[in-house]
Amino acid sequence: MEEDLQVRWLKLRIKLKERFGIKPDMNGILLLIGVQELGQGPQEFSKEQKQDLMHIAICSVLLPSGYYSMDGNDEEGWPHFTQMKALPEFDLFEQENFLKDHVLLYFQSQSFI
């Protein structure tokens, strides 16, 4: 199963490279998801905004598993979330794979893969 996850992850990164010209790492993919979920199109973001976008991405990919719920958007259109249950306690490797799996599910739900 571990190998299958890594193969699917590599295929996603290759597909993103074909679409955007770069093969992003996890942070790049989370940033991309955050921009998509914000829904305001490509633009210049500050370092703090990029961190916020990555938080939006993590909440968005974990939303279907019940870890977060969406509260709505603020006056600037940025989504806000509430954590609904504690995240599993994993070591760094397991945490990365947990996130990879949820990112892959996100892209499947968007009909990208």
PDB file of N, CA and C in Angstrom:
ATOM      1  N   MET A   1       0.830  -1.197   0.000  1.00  0.00           N
ATOM      2  CA  MET A   1       0.000   0.000   0.000  1.00  0.00           C
ATOM      3  C   MET A   1       0.869   1.252   0.000  1.00  0.00           C
ATOM      4  N   GLU A   2       1.952   1.222   0.769  1.00  0.00           N
ATOM      5  CA  GLU A   2       2.861   2.361   0.835  1.00  0.00           C
ATOM      6  C   GLU A   2       3.407   2.705  -0.558  1.00  0.00           C
ATOM      7  N   GLU A   3       3.821   1.656  -1.305  1.00  0.00           N
ATOM      8  CA  GLU A   3       4.360   1.885  -2.640  1.00  0.00           C
ATOM      9  C   GLU A   3       3.293   2.485  -3.548  1.00  0.00           C
ATOM     10  N   ASP A   4       2.067   1.973  -3.437  1.00  0.00           N
ATOM     11  CA  ASP A   4       0.972   2.484  -4.251  1.00  0.00           C
ATOM     12  C   ASP A   4       0.757   3.975  -3.990  1.00  0.00           C
ATOM     13  N   LEU A   5       0.811   4.380  -2.738  1.00  0.00           N
ATOM     14  CA  LEU A   5       0.650   5.794  -2.397  1.00  0.00           C
ATOM     15  C   LEU A   5       1.750   6.621  -3.054  1.00  0.00           C
ATOM     16  N   GLN A   6       2.971   6.151  -2.976  1.00  0.00           N
ATOM     17  CA  GLN A   6       4.091   6.902  -3.553  1.00  0.00           C
ATOM     18  C   GLN A   6       3.981   6.980  -5.075  1.00  0.00           C
ATOM     19  N   VAL A   7       3.514   5.914  -5.707  1.00  0.00           N
ATOM     20  CA  VAL A   7       3.330   5.915  -7.162  1.00  0.00           C
ATOM     21  C   VAL A   7       2.235   6.907  -7.546  1.00  0.00           C
ATOM     22  N   ARG A   8       1.125   6.870  -6.828  1.00  0.00           N
ATOM     23  CA  ARG A   8       0.025   7.813  -7.116  1.00  0.00           C
ATOM     24  C   ARG A   8       0.465   9.252  -6.874  1.00  0.00           C
ATOM     25  N   TRP A   9       1.281   9.474  -5.842  1.00  0.00           N
ATOM     26  CA  TRP A   9       1.788  10.814  -5.543  1.00  0.00           C
ATOM     27  C   TRP A   9       2.682  11.308  -6.682  1.00  0.00           C
ATOM     28  N   LEU A  10       3.568  10.450  -7.164  1.00  0.00           N
ATOM     29  CA  LEU A  10       4.452  10.825  -8.262  1.00  0.00           C
ATOM     30  C   LEU A  10       3.653  11.131  -9.521  1.00  0.00           C
ATOM     31  N   LYS A  11       2.631  10.335  -9.793  1.00  0.00           N
ATOM     32  CA  LYS A  11       1.785  10.581 -10.966  1.00  0.00           C
ATOM     33  C   LYS A  11       1.084  11.931 -10.857  1.00  0.00           C
ATOM     34  N   LEU A  12       0.626  12.281  -9.658  1.00  0.00           N
ATOM     35  CA  LEU A  12       0.000  13.592  -9.456  1.00  0.00           C
ATOM     36  C   LEU A  12       1.005  14.706  -9.737  1.00  0.00           C
ATOM     37  N   ARG A  13       2.201  14.580  -9.191  1.00  0.00           N
ATOM     38  CA  ARG A  13       3.221  15.611  -9.398  1.00  0.00           C
ATOM     39  C   ARG A  13       3.579  15.749 -10.877  1.00  0.00           C
ATOM     40  N   ILE A  14       3.638  14.636 -11.590  1.00  0.00           N
ATOM     41  CA  ILE A  14       3.927  14.684 -13.034  1.00  0.00           C
ATOM     42  C   ILE A  14       2.794  15.369 -13.774  1.00  0.00           C
ATOM     43  N   LYS A  15       1.562  15.044 -13.411  1.00  0.00           N
ATOM     44  CA  LYS A  15       0.410  15.678 -14.069  1.00  0.00           C
ATOM     45  C   LYS A  15       0.392  17.186 -13.794  1.00  0.00           C
ATOM     46  N   LEU A  16       0.747  17.587 -12.569  1.00  0.00           N
ATOM     47  CA  LEU A  16       0.819  19.009 -12.256  1.00  0.00           C
ATOM     48  C   LEU A  16       1.933  19.685 -13.052  1.00  0.00           C
ATOM     49  N   LYS A  17       3.033  18.973 -13.258  1.00  0.00           N
ATOM     50  CA  LYS A  17       4.127  19.526 -14.068  1.00  0.00           C
ATOM     51  C   LYS A  17       3.658  19.745 -15.502  1.00  0.00           C
ATOM     52  N   GLU A  18       2.924  18.775 -16.038  1.00  0.00           N
ATOM     53  CA  GLU A  18       2.398  18.917 -17.396  1.00  0.00           C
ATOM     54  C   GLU A  18       1.458  20.110 -17.500  1.00  0.00           C
ATOM     55  N   ARG A  19       0.689  20.340 -16.457  1.00  0.00           N
ATOM     56  CA  ARG A  19      -0.311  21.420 -16.482  1.00  0.00           C
ATOM     57  C   ARG A  19       0.285  22.791 -16.191  1.00  0.00           C
ATOM     58  N   PHE A  20       1.253  22.861 -15.248  1.00  0.00           N
ATOM     59  CA  PHE A  20       1.752  24.157 -14.788  1.00  0.00           C
ATOM     60  C   PHE A  20       3.229  24.406 -15.086  1.00  0.00           C
ATOM     61  N   GLY A  21       3.928  23.398 -15.616  1.00  0.00           N
ATOM     62  CA  GLY A  21       5.322  23.597 -15.977  1.00  0.00           C
ATOM     63  C   GLY A  21       6.317  23.361 -14.849  1.00  0.00           C
ATOM     64  N   ILE A  22       5.827  23.024 -13.658  1.00  0.00           N
ATOM     65  CA  ILE A  22       6.714  22.710 -12.536  1.00  0.00           C
ATOM     66  C   ILE A  22       6.201  21.438 -11.859  1.00  0.00           C
ATOM     67  N   LYS A  23       7.112  20.708 -11.243  1.00  0.00           N
ATOM     68  CA  LYS A  23       6.712  19.516 -10.480  1.00  0.00           C
ATOM     69  C   LYS A  23       6.801  19.896  -9.011  1.00  0.00           C
ATOM     70  N   PRO A  24       5.683  20.366  -8.435  1.00  0.00           N
ATOM     71  CA  PRO A  24       5.717  20.911  -7.078  1.00  0.00           C
ATOM     72  C   PRO A  24       5.906  19.860  -5.996  1.00  0.00           C
ATOM     73  N   ASP A  25       6.514  20.293  -4.898  1.00  0.00           N
ATOM     74  CA  ASP A  25       6.602  19.455  -3.713  1.00  0.00           C
ATOM     75  C   ASP A  25       5.308  19.628  -2.913  1.00  0.00           C
ATOM     76  N   MET A  26       5.261  19.049  -1.733  1.00  0.00           N
ATOM     77  CA  MET A  26       4.048  19.115  -0.913  1.00  0.00           C
ATOM     78  C   MET A  26       3.622  20.564  -0.653  1.00  0.00           C
ATOM     79  N   ASN A  27       4.572  21.425  -0.290  1.00  0.00           N
ATOM     80  CA  ASN A  27       4.221  22.819  -0.006  1.00  0.00           C
ATOM     81  C   ASN A  27       3.645  23.507  -1.239  1.00  0.00           C
ATOM     82  N   GLY A  28       4.228  23.251  -2.393  1.00  0.00           N
ATOM     83  CA  GLY A  28       3.719  23.842  -3.625  1.00  0.00           C
ATOM     84  C   GLY A  28       2.319  23.356  -3.957  1.00  0.00           C
ATOM     85  N   ILE A  29       2.084  22.081  -3.727  1.00  0.00           N
ATOM     86  CA  ILE A  29       0.757  21.517  -3.992  1.00  0.00           C
ATOM     87  C   ILE A  29      -0.264  22.107  -3.029  1.00  0.00           C
ATOM     88  N   LEU A  30       0.110  22.237  -1.759  1.00  0.00           N
ATOM     89  CA  LEU A  30      -0.809  22.841  -0.785  1.00  0.00           C
ATOM     90  C   LEU A  30      -1.106  24.292  -1.144  1.00  0.00           C
ATOM     91  N   LEU A  31      -0.105  25.007  -1.602  1.00  0.00           N
ATOM     92  CA  LEU A  31      -0.315  26.398  -2.019  1.00  0.00           C
ATOM     93  C   LEU A  31      -1.287  26.447  -3.196  1.00  0.00           C
ATOM     94  N   LEU A  32      -1.110  25.558  -4.145  1.00  0.00           N
ATOM     95  CA  LEU A  32      -2.003  25.484  -5.303  1.00  0.00           C
ATOM     96  C   LEU A  32      -3.443  25.206  -4.874  1.00  0.00           C
ATOM     97  N   ILE A  33      -3.620  24.258  -3.965  1.00  0.00           N
ATOM     98  CA  ILE A  33      -4.967  23.946  -3.459  1.00  0.00           C
ATOM     99  C   ILE A  33      -5.556  25.153  -2.735  1.00  0.00           C
ATOM    100  N   GLY A  34      -4.734  25.831  -1.935  1.00  0.00           N
ATOM    101  CA  GLY A  34      -5.212  27.005  -1.213  1.00  0.00           C
ATOM    102  C   GLY A  34      -5.692  28.099  -2.145  1.00  0.00           C
ATOM    103  N   VAL A  35      -4.937  28.348  -3.214  1.00  0.00           N
ATOM    104  CA  VAL A  35      -5.343  29.359  -4.203  1.00  0.00           C
ATOM    105  C   VAL A  35      -6.649  28.931  -4.865  1.00  0.00           C
ATOM    106  N   GLN A  36      -6.757  27.641  -5.188  1.00  0.00           N
ATOM    107  CA  GLN A  36      -7.977  27.122  -5.803  1.00  0.00           C
ATOM    108  C   GLN A  36      -9.175  27.309  -4.869  1.00  0.00           C
ATOM    109  N   GLU A  37      -8.997  26.977  -3.601  1.00  0.00           N
ATOM    110  CA  GLU A  37     -10.095  27.079  -2.643  1.00  0.00           C
ATOM    111  C   GLU A  37     -10.450  28.530  -2.329  1.00  0.00           C
ATOM    112  N   LEU A  38      -9.468  29.409  -2.364  1.00  0.00           N
ATOM    113  CA  LEU A  38      -9.753  30.830  -2.150  1.00  0.00           C
ATOM    114  C   LEU A  38     -10.638  31.357  -3.268  1.00  0.00           C
ATOM    115  N   GLY A  39     -10.379  30.886  -4.491  1.00  0.00           N
ATOM    116  CA  GLY A  39     -11.253  31.213  -5.618  1.00  0.00           C
ATOM    117  C   GLY A  39     -11.130  32.625  -6.155  1.00  0.00           C
ATOM    118  N   GLN A  40     -10.020  33.293  -5.882  1.00  0.00           N
ATOM    119  CA  GLN A  40      -9.842  34.659  -6.369  1.00  0.00           C
ATOM    120  C   GLN A  40      -8.849  34.734  -7.521  1.00  0.00           C
ATOM    121  N   GLY A  41      -8.434  33.585  -8.037  1.00  0.00           N
ATOM    122  CA  GLY A  41      -7.522  33.536  -9.170  1.00  0.00           C
ATOM    123  C   GLY A  41      -6.084  33.801  -8.761  1.00  0.00           C
ATOM    124  N   PRO A  42      -5.174  33.615  -9.731  1.00  0.00           N
ATOM    125  CA  PRO A  42      -3.756  33.841  -9.441  1.00  0.00           C
ATOM    126  C   PRO A  42      -3.484  35.313  -9.131  1.00  0.00           C
ATOM    127  N   GLN A  43      -2.625  35.537  -8.169  1.00  0.00           N
ATOM    128  CA  GLN A  43      -2.233  36.888  -7.789  1.00  0.00           C
ATOM    129  C   GLN A  43      -0.977  36.813  -6.939  1.00  0.00           C
ATOM    130  N   GLU A  44      -0.415  37.938  -6.615  1.00  0.00           N
ATOM    131  CA  GLU A  44       0.747  37.970  -5.730  1.00  0.00           C
ATOM    132  C   GLU A  44       0.259  37.865  -4.283  1.00  0.00           C
ATOM    133  N   PHE A  45       0.892  36.984  -3.518  1.00  0.00           N
ATOM    134  CA  PHE A  45       0.533  36.809  -2.119  1.00  0.00           C
ATOM    135  C   PHE A  45       1.752  37.073  -1.243  1.00  0.00           C
ATOM    136  N   SER A  46       1.514  37.669  -0.079  1.00  0.00           N
ATOM    137  CA  SER A  46       2.588  37.877   0.882  1.00  0.00           C
ATOM    138  C   SER A  46       2.953  36.529   1.508  1.00  0.00           C
ATOM    139  N   LYS A  47       4.058  36.504   2.233  1.00  0.00           N
ATOM    140  CA  LYS A  47       4.475  35.277   2.913  1.00  0.00           C
ATOM    141  C   LYS A  47       3.392  34.810   3.884  1.00  0.00           C
ATOM    142  N   GLU A  48       2.815  35.748   4.627  1.00  0.00           N
ATOM    143  CA  GLU A  48       1.751  35.405   5.574  1.00  0.00           C
ATOM    144  C   GLU A  48       0.524  34.858   4.850  1.00  0.00           C
ATOM    145  N   GLN A  49       0.177  35.469   3.728  1.00  0.00           N
ATOM    146  CA  GLN A  49      -0.967  34.983   2.954  1.00  0.00           C
ATOM    147  C   GLN A  49      -0.705  33.577   2.414  1.00  0.00           C
ATOM    148  N   LYS A  50       0.539  33.307   2.014  1.00  0.00           N
ATOM    149  CA  LYS A  50       0.882  31.968   1.529  1.00  0.00           C
ATOM    150  C   LYS A  50       0.720  30.940   2.649  1.00  0.00           C
ATOM    151  N   GLN A  51       1.101  31.311   3.869  1.00  0.00           N
ATOM    152  CA  GLN A  51       0.901  30.413   5.009  1.00  0.00           C
ATOM    153  C   GLN A  51      -0.588  30.186   5.235  1.00  0.00           C
ATOM    154  N   ASP A  52      -1.371  31.255   5.124  1.00  0.00           N
ATOM    155  CA  ASP A  52      -2.826  31.130   5.276  1.00  0.00           C
ATOM    156  C   ASP A  52      -3.414  30.233   4.183  1.00  0.00           C
ATOM    157  N   LEU A  53      -2.904  30.367   2.952  1.00  0.00           N
ATOM    158  CA  LEU A  53      -3.377  29.540   1.844  1.00  0.00           C
ATOM    159  C   LEU A  53      -3.073  28.065   2.094  1.00  0.00           C
ATOM    160  N   MET A  54      -1.908  27.788   2.655  1.00  0.00           N
ATOM    161  CA  MET A  54      -1.559  26.407   2.960  1.00  0.00           C
ATOM    162  C   MET A  54      -2.461  25.856   4.071  1.00  0.00           C
ATOM    163  N   HIS A  55      -2.817  26.705   5.027  1.00  0.00           N
ATOM    164  CA  HIS A  55      -3.760  26.295   6.076  1.00  0.00           C
ATOM    165  C   HIS A  55      -5.133  25.999   5.467  1.00  0.00           C
ATOM    166  N   ILE A  56      -5.579  26.848   4.554  1.00  0.00           N
ATOM    167  CA  ILE A  56      -6.844  26.620   3.855  1.00  0.00           C
ATOM    168  C   ILE A  56      -6.797  25.276   3.139  1.00  0.00           C
ATOM    169  N   ALA A  57      -5.662  24.989   2.502  1.00  0.00           N
ATOM    170  CA  ALA A  57      -5.528  23.733   1.767  1.00  0.00           C
ATOM    171  C   ALA A  57      -5.623  22.530   2.703  1.00  0.00           C
ATOM    172  N   ILE A  58      -4.911  22.589   3.809  1.00  0.00           N
ATOM    173  CA  ILE A  58      -4.939  21.466   4.750  1.00  0.00           C
ATOM    174  C   ILE A  58      -6.350  21.253   5.281  1.00  0.00           C
ATOM    175  N   CYS A  59      -7.007  22.329   5.664  1.00  0.00           N
ATOM    176  CA  CYS A  59      -8.386  22.202   6.149  1.00  0.00           C
ATOM    177  C   CYS A  59      -9.296  21.642   5.058  1.00  0.00           C
ATOM    178  N   SER A  60      -9.103  22.099   3.832  1.00  0.00           N
ATOM    179  CA  SER A  60      -9.957  21.661   2.720  1.00  0.00           C
ATOM    180  C   SER A  60      -9.769  20.187   2.395  1.00  0.00           C
ATOM    181  N   VAL A  61      -8.524  19.709   2.414  1.00  0.00           N
ATOM    182  CA  VAL A  61      -8.313  18.300   2.073  1.00  0.00           C
ATOM    183  C   VAL A  61      -8.740  17.373   3.209  1.00  0.00           C
ATOM    184  N   LEU A  62      -8.740  17.873   4.447  1.00  0.00           N
ATOM    185  CA  LEU A  62      -9.152  17.049   5.585  1.00  0.00           C
ATOM    186  C   LEU A  62     -10.636  17.188   5.902  1.00  0.00           C
ATOM    187  N   LEU A  63     -11.305  18.130   5.265  1.00  0.00           N
ATOM    188  CA  LEU A  63     -12.735  18.365   5.480  1.00  0.00           C
ATOM    189  C   LEU A  63     -13.588  17.122   5.221  1.00  0.00           C
ATOM    190  N   PRO A  64     -13.401  16.402   4.097  1.00  0.00           N
ATOM    191  CA  PRO A  64     -14.256  15.236   3.849  1.00  0.00           C
ATOM    192  C   PRO A  64     -14.114  14.127   4.892  1.00  0.00           C
ATOM    193  N   SER A  65     -12.991  14.076   5.586  1.00  0.00           N
ATOM    194  CA  SER A  65     -12.792  13.056   6.620  1.00  0.00           C
ATOM    195  C   SER A  65     -13.291  13.514   7.985  1.00  0.00           C
ATOM    196  N   GLY A  66     -13.892  14.700   8.042  1.00  0.00           N
ATOM    197  CA  GLY A  66     -14.509  15.168   9.271  1.00  0.00           C
ATOM    198  C   GLY A  66     -13.568  15.835  10.258  1.00  0.00           C
ATOM    199  N   TYR A  67     -12.330  16.121   9.850  1.00  0.00           N
ATOM    200  CA  TYR A  67     -11.401  16.773  10.767  1.00  0.00           C
ATOM    201  C   TYR A  67     -11.690  18.266  10.898  1.00  0.00           C
ATOM    202  N   TYR A  68     -12.259  18.861   9.854  1.00  0.00           N
ATOM    203  CA  TYR A  68     -12.593  20.289   9.854  1.00  0.00           C
ATOM    204  C   TYR A  68     -13.973  20.478   9.271  1.00  0.00           C
ATOM    205  N   SER A  69     -14.602  21.584   9.658  1.00  0.00           N
ATOM    206  CA  SER A  69     -15.830  22.023   8.996  1.00  0.00           C
ATOM    207  C   SER A  69     -15.606  23.471   8.571  1.00  0.00           C
ATOM    208  N   MET A  70     -16.272  23.850   7.502  1.00  0.00           N
ATOM    209  CA  MET A  70     -16.112  25.207   7.000  1.00  0.00           C
ATOM    210  C   MET A  70     -17.137  26.110   7.671  1.00  0.00           C
ATOM    211  N   ASP A  71     -16.649  27.237   8.205  1.00  0.00           N
ATOM    212  CA  ASP A  71     -17.520  28.205   8.872  1.00  0.00           C
ATOM    213  C   ASP A  71     -18.090  29.221   7.905  1.00  0.00           C
ATOM    214  N   GLY A  72     -17.435  29.404   6.770  1.00  0.00           N
ATOM    215  CA  GLY A  72     -17.837  30.423   5.805  1.00  0.00           C
ATOM    216  C   GLY A  72     -16.651  31.315   5.480  1.00  0.00           C
ATOM    217  N   ASN A  73     -16.924  32.366   4.753  1.00  0.00           N
ATOM    218  CA  ASN A  73     -15.873  33.284   4.325  1.00  0.00           C
ATOM    219  C   ASN A  73     -15.954  34.600   5.082  1.00  0.00           C
ATOM    220  N   ASP A  74     -14.791  35.226   5.262  1.00  0.00           N
ATOM    221  CA  ASP A  74     -14.780  36.544   5.890  1.00  0.00           C
ATOM    222  C   ASP A  74     -15.103  37.617   4.852  1.00  0.00           C
ATOM    223  N   GLU A  75     -15.046  38.873   5.259  1.00  0.00           N
ATOM    224  CA  GLU A  75     -15.424  39.973   4.368  1.00  0.00           C
ATOM    225  C   GLU A  75     -14.505  40.110   3.156  1.00  0.00           C
ATOM    226  N   GLU A  76     -13.302  39.536   3.231  1.00  0.00           N
ATOM    227  CA  GLU A  76     -12.375  39.576   2.093  1.00  0.00           C
ATOM    228  C   GLU A  76     -12.472  38.319   1.232  1.00  0.00           C
ATOM    229  N   GLY A  77     -13.374  37.414   1.598  1.00  0.00           N
ATOM    230  CA  GLY A  77     -13.591  36.203   0.822  1.00  0.00           C
ATOM    231  C   GLY A  77     -12.719  35.024   1.207  1.00  0.00           C
ATOM    232  N   TRP A  78     -11.974  35.144   2.301  1.00  0.00           N
ATOM    233  CA  TRP A  78     -11.109  34.051   2.745  1.00  0.00           C
ATOM    234  C   TRP A  78     -11.923  33.074   3.593  1.00  0.00           C
ATOM    235  N   PRO A  79     -11.849  31.772   3.281  1.00  0.00           N
ATOM    236  CA  PRO A  79     -12.597  30.777   4.055  1.00  0.00           C
ATOM    237  C   PRO A  79     -12.009  30.565   5.444  1.00  0.00           C
ATOM    238  N   HIS A  80     -12.885  30.233   6.374  1.00  0.00           N
ATOM    239  CA  HIS A  80     -12.479  29.935   7.749  1.00  0.00           C
ATOM    240  C   HIS A  80     -13.060  28.586   8.151  1.00  0.00           C
ATOM    241  N   PHE A  81     -12.305  27.867   8.981  1.00  0.00           N
ATOM    242  CA  PHE A  81     -12.642  26.502   9.345  1.00  0.00           C
ATOM    243  C   PHE A  81     -12.600  26.322  10.854  1.00  0.00           C
ATOM    244  N   THR A  82     -13.302  25.290  11.326  1.00  0.00           N
ATOM    245  CA  THR A  82     -13.234  24.870  12.722  1.00  0.00           C
ATOM    246  C   THR A  82     -12.766  23.421  12.744  1.00  0.00           C
ATOM    247  N   GLN A  83     -11.806  23.146  13.617  1.00  0.00           N
ATOM    248  CA  GLN A  83     -11.355  21.767  13.765  1.00  0.00           C
ATOM    249  C   GLN A  83     -12.420  21.000  14.541  1.00  0.00           C
ATOM    250  N   MET A  84     -12.847  19.854  13.979  1.00  0.00           N
ATOM    251  CA  MET A  84     -13.931  19.079  14.560  1.00  0.00           C
ATOM    252  C   MET A  84     -13.443  17.910  15.408  1.00  0.00           C
ATOM    253  N   LYS A  85     -12.285  17.384  15.072  1.00  0.00           N
ATOM    254  CA  LYS A  85     -11.725  16.286  15.854  1.00  0.00           C
ATOM    255  C   LYS A  85     -10.207  16.351  15.747  1.00  0.00           C
ATOM    256  N   ALA A  86      -9.567  15.754  16.721  1.00  0.00           N
ATOM    257  CA  ALA A  86      -8.105  15.784  16.769  1.00  0.00           C
ATOM    258  C   ALA A  86      -7.517  14.969  15.626  1.00  0.00           C
ATOM    259  N   LEU A  87      -6.417  15.466  15.109  1.00  0.00           N
ATOM    260  CA  LEU A  87      -5.701  14.727  14.080  1.00  0.00           C
ATOM    261  C   LEU A  87      -4.977  13.550  14.724  1.00  0.00           C
ATOM    262  N   PRO A  88      -4.831  12.464  13.984  1.00  0.00           N
ATOM    263  CA  PRO A  88      -4.116  11.312  14.545  1.00  0.00           C
ATOM    264  C   PRO A  88      -2.676  11.680  14.892  1.00  0.00           C
ATOM    265  N   GLU A  89      -2.160  11.046  15.919  1.00  0.00           N
ATOM    266  CA  GLU A  89      -0.768  11.277  16.296  1.00  0.00           C
ATOM    267  C   GLU A  89       0.105  10.347  15.479  1.00  0.00           C
ATOM    268  N   PHE A  90       0.872  10.936  14.586  1.00  0.00           N
ATOM    269  CA  PHE A  90       1.749  10.197  13.692  1.00  0.00           C
ATOM    270  C   PHE A  90       3.164  10.709  13.831  1.00  0.00           C
ATOM    271  N   ASP A  91       4.123   9.864  13.445  1.00  0.00           N
ATOM    272  CA  ASP A  91       5.470  10.385  13.293  1.00  0.00           C
ATOM    273  C   ASP A  91       5.496  11.182  11.979  1.00  0.00           C
ATOM    274  N   LEU A  92       6.591  11.832  11.693  1.00  0.00           N
ATOM    275  CA  LEU A  92       6.669  12.734  10.543  1.00  0.00           C
ATOM    276  C   LEU A  92       6.370  12.005   9.231  1.00  0.00           C
ATOM    277  N   PHE A  93       6.909  10.799   9.069  1.00  0.00           N
ATOM    278  CA  PHE A  93       6.691  10.018   7.850  1.00  0.00           C
ATOM    279  C   PHE A  93       5.213   9.658   7.688  1.00  0.00           C
ATOM    280  N   GLU A  94       4.596   9.174   8.754  1.00  0.00           N
ATOM    281  CA  GLU A  94       3.181   8.806   8.710  1.00  0.00           C
ATOM    282  C   GLU A  94       2.299  10.031   8.470  1.00  0.00           C
ATOM    283  N   GLN A  95       2.683  11.156   9.074  1.00  0.00           N
ATOM    284  CA  GLN A  95       1.929  12.394   8.893  1.00  0.00           C
ATOM    285  C   GLN A  95       1.959  12.831   7.429  1.00  0.00           C
ATOM    286  N   GLU A  96       3.130  12.730   6.817  1.00  0.00           N
ATOM    287  CA  GLU A  96       3.247  13.113   5.410  1.00  0.00           C
ATOM    288  C   GLU A  96       2.387  12.205   4.533  1.00  0.00           C
ATOM    289  N   ASN A  97       2.406  10.909   4.802  1.00  0.00           N
ATOM    290  CA  ASN A  97       1.601   9.981   4.007  1.00  0.00           C
ATOM    291  C   ASN A  97       0.105  10.201   4.224  1.00  0.00           C
ATOM    292  N   PHE A  98      -0.291  10.519   5.451  1.00  0.00           N
ATOM    293  CA  PHE A  98      -1.683  10.848   5.756  1.00  0.00           C
ATOM    294  C   PHE A  98      -2.130  12.041   4.915  1.00  0.00           C
ATOM    295  N   LEU A  99      -1.289  13.054   4.867  1.00  0.00           N
ATOM    296  CA  LEU A  99      -1.610  14.247   4.097  1.00  0.00           C
ATOM    297  C   LEU A  99      -1.596  13.956   2.597  1.00  0.00           C
ATOM    298  N   LYS A 100      -0.612  13.193   2.132  1.00  0.00           N
ATOM    299  CA  LYS A 100      -0.558  12.830   0.710  1.00  0.00           C
ATOM    300  C   LYS A 100      -1.835  12.128   0.295  1.00  0.00           C
ATOM    301  N   ASP A 101      -2.283  11.183   1.098  1.00  0.00           N
ATOM    302  CA  ASP A 101      -3.494  10.439   0.776  1.00  0.00           C
ATOM    303  C   ASP A 101      -4.691  11.371   0.661  1.00  0.00           C
ATOM    304  N   HIS A 102      -4.812  12.313   1.569  1.00  0.00           N
ATOM    305  CA  HIS A 102      -5.935  13.255   1.527  1.00  0.00           C
ATOM    306  C   HIS A 102      -5.814  14.229   0.351  1.00  0.00           C
ATOM    307  N   VAL A 103      -4.600  14.630   0.017  1.00  0.00           N
ATOM    308  CA  VAL A 103      -4.395  15.494  -1.156  1.00  0.00           C
ATOM    309  C   VAL A 103      -4.808  14.742  -2.421  1.00  0.00           C
ATOM    310  N   LEU A 104      -4.432  13.485  -2.531  1.00  0.00           N
ATOM    311  CA  LEU A 104      -4.826  12.683  -3.693  1.00  0.00           C
ATOM    312  C   LEU A 104      -6.344  12.559  -3.780  1.00  0.00           C
ATOM    313  N   LEU A 105      -7.001  12.338  -2.644  1.00  0.00           N
ATOM    314  CA  LEU A 105      -8.466  12.275  -2.628  1.00  0.00           C
ATOM    315  C   LEU A 105      -9.070  13.610  -3.074  1.00  0.00           C
ATOM    316  N   TYR A 106      -8.457  14.711  -2.655  1.00  0.00           N
ATOM    317  CA  TYR A 106      -8.931  16.039  -3.067  1.00  0.00           C
ATOM    318  C   TYR A 106      -8.879  16.168  -4.594  1.00  0.00           C
ATOM    319  N   PHE A 107      -7.742  15.807  -5.179  1.00  0.00           N
ATOM    320  CA  PHE A 107      -7.604  15.937  -6.626  1.00  0.00           C
ATOM    321  C   PHE A 107      -8.538  14.984  -7.368  1.00  0.00           C
ATOM    322  N   GLN A 108      -8.823  13.810  -6.792  1.00  0.00           N
ATOM    323  CA  GLN A 108      -9.804  12.913  -7.382  1.00  0.00           C
ATOM    324  C   GLN A 108     -11.185  13.551  -7.344  1.00  0.00           C
ATOM    325  N   SER A 109     -11.526  14.191  -6.231  1.00  0.00           N
ATOM    326  CA  SER A 109     -12.851  14.812  -6.111  1.00  0.00           C
ATOM    327  C   SER A 109     -13.001  15.993  -7.059  1.00  0.00           C
ATOM    328  N   GLN A 110     -11.873  16.574  -7.471  1.00  0.00           N
ATOM    329  CA  GLN A 110     -11.898  17.692  -8.423  1.00  0.00           C
ATOM    330  C   GLN A 110     -11.800  17.207  -9.873  1.00  0.00           C
ATOM    331  N   SER A 111     -11.820  15.874 -10.029  1.00  0.00           N
ATOM    332  CA  SER A 111     -11.691  15.223 -11.355  1.00  0.00           C
ATOM    333  C   SER A 111     -10.408  15.594 -12.069  1.00  0.00           C
ATOM    334  N   PHE A 112      -9.353  15.836 -11.301  1.00  0.00           N
ATOM    335  CA  PHE A 112      -8.061  16.148 -11.892  1.00  0.00           C
ATOM    336  C   PHE A 112      -7.281  14.879 -12.150  1.00  0.00           C
ATOM    337  N   ILE A 113      -7.477  13.872 -11.285  1.00  0.00           N
ATOM    338  CA  ILE A 113      -6.811  12.578 -11.482  1.00  0.00           C
ATOM    339  C   ILE A 113      -7.861  11.479 -11.451  1.00  0.00           C
TER     340      ILE A 113
END
